Amino acid sequence: MEMDGFVAFGPEAGPKFALRTGKEPSKSSHVAFQANDRATVDAFHVAALAAGGTDNGAAGIREHYHPTYYGAYVADPDGNNMEAVCHKPE
């Protein structure tokens, strides 16, 4: 499905993998993976920082997406934004 600048793959009720789209070329990308729970999002953020990623948004609620959107963001050394997200309430 396509949604607000993204193409998402998986069941319509909850895509499992999403990529940012755009008409202009980009030197970086945004890749999002759906996690089964918030603890997994937290663990992703900790592990990615320990592996040399740069904090690009600590784990937490992102209400501007929806009330239970819980995500964390890390930039890799090339500037790509990696995200883990859980859509379930706690």
N, C-alpha and C. Protein backbone atom coordinates (compact mmCIF):
# COMPACT_ATOMS: atom_id res chain seq x y z
N MET A 1 0.84 -1.17 0.00
CA MET A 1 0.00 0.00 0.00
C MET A 1 0.88 1.24 0.00
N GLU A 2 0.37 2.33 -0.50
CA GLU A 2 1.08 3.60 -0.46
C GLU A 2 0.41 4.48 0.56
N MET A 3 1.23 5.22 1.32
CA MET A 3 0.68 6.10 2.35
C MET A 3 1.65 7.24 2.63
N ASP A 4 1.18 8.44 2.54
CA ASP A 4 1.90 9.65 2.94
C ASP A 4 3.42 9.56 2.76
N GLY A 5 3.88 9.38 1.54
CA GLY A 5 5.31 9.36 1.26
C GLY A 5 6.01 8.04 1.51
N PHE A 6 5.24 6.98 1.71
CA PHE A 6 5.82 5.66 1.96
C PHE A 6 5.12 4.62 1.11
N VAL A 7 5.83 3.55 0.84
CA VAL A 7 5.26 2.34 0.28
C VAL A 7 5.44 1.29 1.35
N ALA A 8 4.37 0.59 1.72
CA ALA A 8 4.43 -0.38 2.79
C ALA A 8 4.00 -1.76 2.27
N PHE A 9 4.63 -2.78 2.82
CA PHE A 9 4.37 -4.15 2.41
C PHE A 9 3.88 -4.96 3.60
N GLY A 10 2.91 -5.82 3.38
CA GLY A 10 2.36 -6.66 4.43
C GLY A 10 0.86 -6.49 4.49
N PRO A 11 0.23 -7.08 5.50
CA PRO A 11 -1.23 -6.97 5.61
C PRO A 11 -1.68 -5.52 5.74
N GLU A 12 -2.78 -5.19 5.13
CA GLU A 12 -3.27 -3.81 5.18
C GLU A 12 -3.50 -3.33 6.60
N ALA A 13 -3.86 -4.24 7.49
CA ALA A 13 -4.10 -3.86 8.89
C ALA A 13 -2.82 -3.53 9.64
N GLY A 14 -1.67 -3.87 9.09
CA GLY A 14 -0.41 -3.60 9.78
C GLY A 14 0.78 -3.99 8.94
N PRO A 15 1.23 -3.11 8.04
CA PRO A 15 2.38 -3.43 7.20
C PRO A 15 3.59 -3.82 8.05
N LYS A 16 4.41 -4.71 7.51
CA LYS A 16 5.59 -5.21 8.22
C LYS A 16 6.87 -4.51 7.79
N PHE A 17 6.88 -3.89 6.61
CA PHE A 17 8.09 -3.28 6.06
C PHE A 17 7.68 -2.08 5.24
N ALA A 18 8.34 -0.94 5.42
CA ALA A 18 7.98 0.27 4.68
C ALA A 18 9.23 0.98 4.19
N LEU A 19 9.12 1.62 3.03
CA LEU A 19 10.20 2.41 2.44
C LEU A 19 9.67 3.79 2.10
N ARG A 20 10.49 4.81 2.34
CA ARG A 20 10.13 6.18 1.97
C ARG A 20 10.24 6.31 0.46
N THR A 21 9.28 7.01 -0.13
CA THR A 21 9.31 7.27 -1.56
C THR A 21 9.57 8.75 -1.79
N GLY A 22 9.84 9.10 -3.00
CA GLY A 22 10.04 10.50 -3.32
C GLY A 22 10.40 10.67 -4.78
N LYS A 23 10.14 11.84 -5.30
CA LYS A 23 10.43 12.10 -6.69
C LYS A 23 11.86 12.60 -6.88
N GLU A 24 12.41 13.22 -5.85
CA GLU A 24 13.77 13.74 -5.93
C GLU A 24 14.76 12.69 -5.46
N PRO A 25 15.92 12.60 -6.13
CA PRO A 25 16.94 11.65 -5.67
C PRO A 25 17.38 11.99 -4.24
N SER A 26 17.72 10.98 -3.51
CA SER A 26 18.14 11.17 -2.13
C SER A 26 19.46 10.46 -1.91
N LYS A 27 20.30 11.04 -1.05
CA LYS A 27 21.56 10.41 -0.71
C LYS A 27 21.41 9.48 0.47
N SER A 28 20.23 9.45 1.06
CA SER A 28 19.98 8.55 2.19
C SER A 28 18.60 7.94 2.04
N SER A 29 18.32 6.98 2.88
CA SER A 29 17.02 6.32 2.82
C SER A 29 16.45 6.18 4.23
N HIS A 30 15.20 5.80 4.28
CA HIS A 30 14.52 5.52 5.54
C HIS A 30 13.92 4.13 5.41
N VAL A 31 14.33 3.23 6.29
CA VAL A 31 13.81 1.87 6.28
C VAL A 31 13.17 1.61 7.64
N ALA A 32 11.94 1.12 7.62
CA ALA A 32 11.22 0.85 8.87
C ALA A 32 10.83 -0.61 8.94
N PHE A 33 11.02 -1.19 10.12
CA PHE A 33 10.64 -2.57 10.38
C PHE A 33 9.64 -2.60 11.53
N GLN A 34 8.59 -3.40 11.39
CA GLN A 34 7.60 -3.50 12.45
C GLN A 34 8.07 -4.50 13.49
N ALA A 35 7.99 -4.10 14.74
CA ALA A 35 8.35 -4.96 15.86
C ALA A 35 7.08 -5.51 16.50
N ASN A 36 7.21 -6.66 17.15
CA ASN A 36 6.05 -7.29 17.79
C ASN A 36 5.63 -6.60 19.07
N ASP A 37 6.57 -5.89 19.72
CA ASP A 37 6.24 -5.24 20.98
C ASP A 37 7.20 -4.07 21.22
N ARG A 38 6.87 -3.26 22.21
CA ARG A 38 7.66 -2.07 22.50
C ARG A 38 9.04 -2.42 23.05
N ALA A 39 9.14 -3.54 23.77
CA ALA A 39 10.45 -3.96 24.28
C ALA A 39 11.42 -4.22 23.14
N THR A 40 10.93 -4.75 22.03
CA THR A 40 11.78 -5.00 20.87
C THR A 40 12.24 -3.69 20.24
N VAL A 41 11.37 -2.69 20.21
CA VAL A 41 11.76 -1.36 19.71
C VAL A 41 12.87 -0.79 20.59
N ASP A 42 12.70 -0.90 21.91
CA ASP A 42 13.72 -0.42 22.84
C ASP A 42 15.05 -1.14 22.62
N ALA A 43 15.00 -2.47 22.47
CA ALA A 43 16.21 -3.27 22.27
C ALA A 43 16.90 -2.92 20.96
N PHE A 44 16.10 -2.68 19.90
CA PHE A 44 16.66 -2.25 18.62
C PHE A 44 17.48 -0.97 18.79
N HIS A 45 16.90 0.01 19.48
CA HIS A 45 17.56 1.30 19.65
C HIS A 45 18.87 1.14 20.40
N VAL A 46 18.86 0.41 21.50
CA VAL A 46 20.06 0.18 22.30
C VAL A 46 21.13 -0.54 21.48
N ALA A 47 20.75 -1.61 20.78
CA ALA A 47 21.71 -2.40 20.00
C ALA A 47 22.29 -1.59 18.84
N ALA A 48 21.45 -0.81 18.17
CA ALA A 48 21.92 -0.02 17.04
C ALA A 48 22.91 1.06 17.48
N LEU A 49 22.65 1.69 18.62
CA LEU A 49 23.60 2.68 19.14
C LEU A 49 24.91 2.01 19.55
N ALA A 50 24.83 0.83 20.17
CA ALA A 50 26.03 0.10 20.58
C ALA A 50 26.86 -0.34 19.37
N ALA A 51 26.19 -0.53 18.23
CA ALA A 51 26.88 -0.95 17.01
C ALA A 51 27.43 0.22 16.20
N GLY A 52 27.29 1.46 16.72
CA GLY A 52 27.86 2.62 16.05
C GLY A 52 26.87 3.53 15.37
N GLY A 53 25.58 3.25 15.50
CA GLY A 53 24.58 4.14 14.93
C GLY A 53 24.48 5.43 15.74
N THR A 54 23.86 6.44 15.15
CA THR A 54 23.66 7.73 15.80
C THR A 54 22.18 7.88 16.14
N ASP A 55 21.91 8.29 17.37
CA ASP A 55 20.52 8.49 17.79
C ASP A 55 19.83 9.48 16.87
N ASN A 56 18.70 9.06 16.33
CA ASN A 56 17.92 9.94 15.45
C ASN A 56 16.49 10.03 15.95
N GLY A 57 16.29 9.62 17.22
CA GLY A 57 14.96 9.66 17.84
C GLY A 57 14.80 8.49 18.79
N ALA A 58 14.88 8.77 20.08
CA ALA A 58 14.77 7.72 21.09
C ALA A 58 13.42 7.04 21.01
N ALA A 59 13.34 5.84 21.53
CA ALA A 59 12.09 5.08 21.54
C ALA A 59 11.01 5.85 22.29
N GLY A 60 9.84 5.92 21.70
CA GLY A 60 8.74 6.62 22.33
C GLY A 60 7.53 6.71 21.43
N ILE A 61 6.45 7.20 21.98
CA ILE A 61 5.19 7.39 21.25
C ILE A 61 5.34 8.54 20.26
N ARG A 62 4.81 8.35 19.07
CA ARG A 62 4.77 9.38 18.03
C ARG A 62 3.30 9.61 17.69
N GLU A 63 2.61 10.39 18.54
CA GLU A 63 1.17 10.59 18.38
C GLU A 63 0.79 11.26 17.06
N HIS A 64 1.73 11.99 16.43
CA HIS A 64 1.39 12.63 15.16
C HIS A 64 1.14 11.60 14.06
N TYR A 65 1.58 10.34 14.27
CA TYR A 65 1.24 9.26 13.33
C TYR A 65 -0.07 8.61 13.75
N HIS A 66 -0.14 8.15 15.00
CA HIS A 66 -1.37 7.67 15.61
C HIS A 66 -1.09 7.42 17.09
N PRO A 67 -2.12 7.27 17.92
CA PRO A 67 -1.94 7.25 19.38
C PRO A 67 -1.06 6.13 19.93
N THR A 68 -0.92 5.02 19.20
CA THR A 68 -0.10 3.92 19.73
C THR A 68 1.17 3.67 18.91
N TYR A 69 1.55 4.61 18.06
CA TYR A 69 2.76 4.48 17.24
C TYR A 69 3.97 4.65 18.15
N TYR A 70 4.70 3.56 18.38
CA TYR A 70 5.87 3.56 19.26
C TYR A 70 7.08 3.23 18.41
N GLY A 71 7.95 4.20 18.20
CA GLY A 71 9.08 3.99 17.30
C GLY A 71 10.39 4.51 17.86
N ALA A 72 11.48 4.03 17.24
CA ALA A 72 12.83 4.49 17.56
C ALA A 72 13.59 4.61 16.24
N TYR A 73 14.48 5.59 16.17
CA TYR A 73 15.20 5.89 14.93
C TYR A 73 16.69 5.97 15.20
N VAL A 74 17.47 5.41 14.26
CA VAL A 74 18.93 5.45 14.35
C VAL A 74 19.47 5.69 12.95
N ALA A 75 20.44 6.59 12.84
CA ALA A 75 21.09 6.84 11.56
C ALA A 75 22.34 5.97 11.48
N ASP A 76 22.54 5.33 10.33
CA ASP A 76 23.76 4.55 10.14
C ASP A 76 24.89 5.49 9.71
N PRO A 77 26.12 5.00 9.60
CA PRO A 77 27.25 5.88 9.24
C PRO A 77 27.09 6.61 7.91
N ASP A 78 26.24 6.09 7.02
CA ASP A 78 26.01 6.76 5.73
C ASP A 78 24.84 7.73 5.77
N GLY A 79 24.20 7.87 6.93
CA GLY A 79 23.10 8.81 7.07
C GLY A 79 21.72 8.21 6.80
N ASN A 80 21.66 6.92 6.55
CA ASN A 80 20.36 6.26 6.35
C ASN A 80 19.64 6.16 7.68
N ASN A 81 18.35 6.41 7.68
CA ASN A 81 17.54 6.36 8.89
C ASN A 81 16.89 4.99 9.00
N MET A 82 17.19 4.30 10.09
CA MET A 82 16.61 2.98 10.35
C MET A 82 15.60 3.13 11.48
N GLU A 83 14.45 2.48 11.35
CA GLU A 83 13.40 2.61 12.35
C GLU A 83 12.84 1.24 12.72
N ALA A 84 12.55 1.09 14.00
CA ALA A 84 11.74 -0.03 14.48
C ALA A 84 10.47 0.58 15.05
N VAL A 85 9.32 -0.02 14.75
CA VAL A 85 8.05 0.54 15.18
C VAL A 85 7.09 -0.57 15.62
N CYS A 86 6.35 -0.26 16.67
CA CYS A 86 5.29 -1.14 17.16
C CYS A 86 4.00 -0.32 17.17
N HIS A 87 2.95 -0.84 16.58
CA HIS A 87 1.68 -0.14 16.50
C HIS A 87 0.70 -0.53 17.60
N LYS A 88 1.06 -1.53 18.37
CA LYS A 88 0.16 -2.04 19.41
C LYS A 88 0.19 -1.18 20.66
N PRO A 89 -0.93 -1.09 21.34
CA PRO A 89 -0.89 -0.43 22.67
C PRO A 89 -0.05 -1.28 23.60
N GLU A 90 0.47 -0.68 24.63
CA GLU A 90 1.35 -1.39 25.55
C GLU A 90 0.73 -2.61 26.15
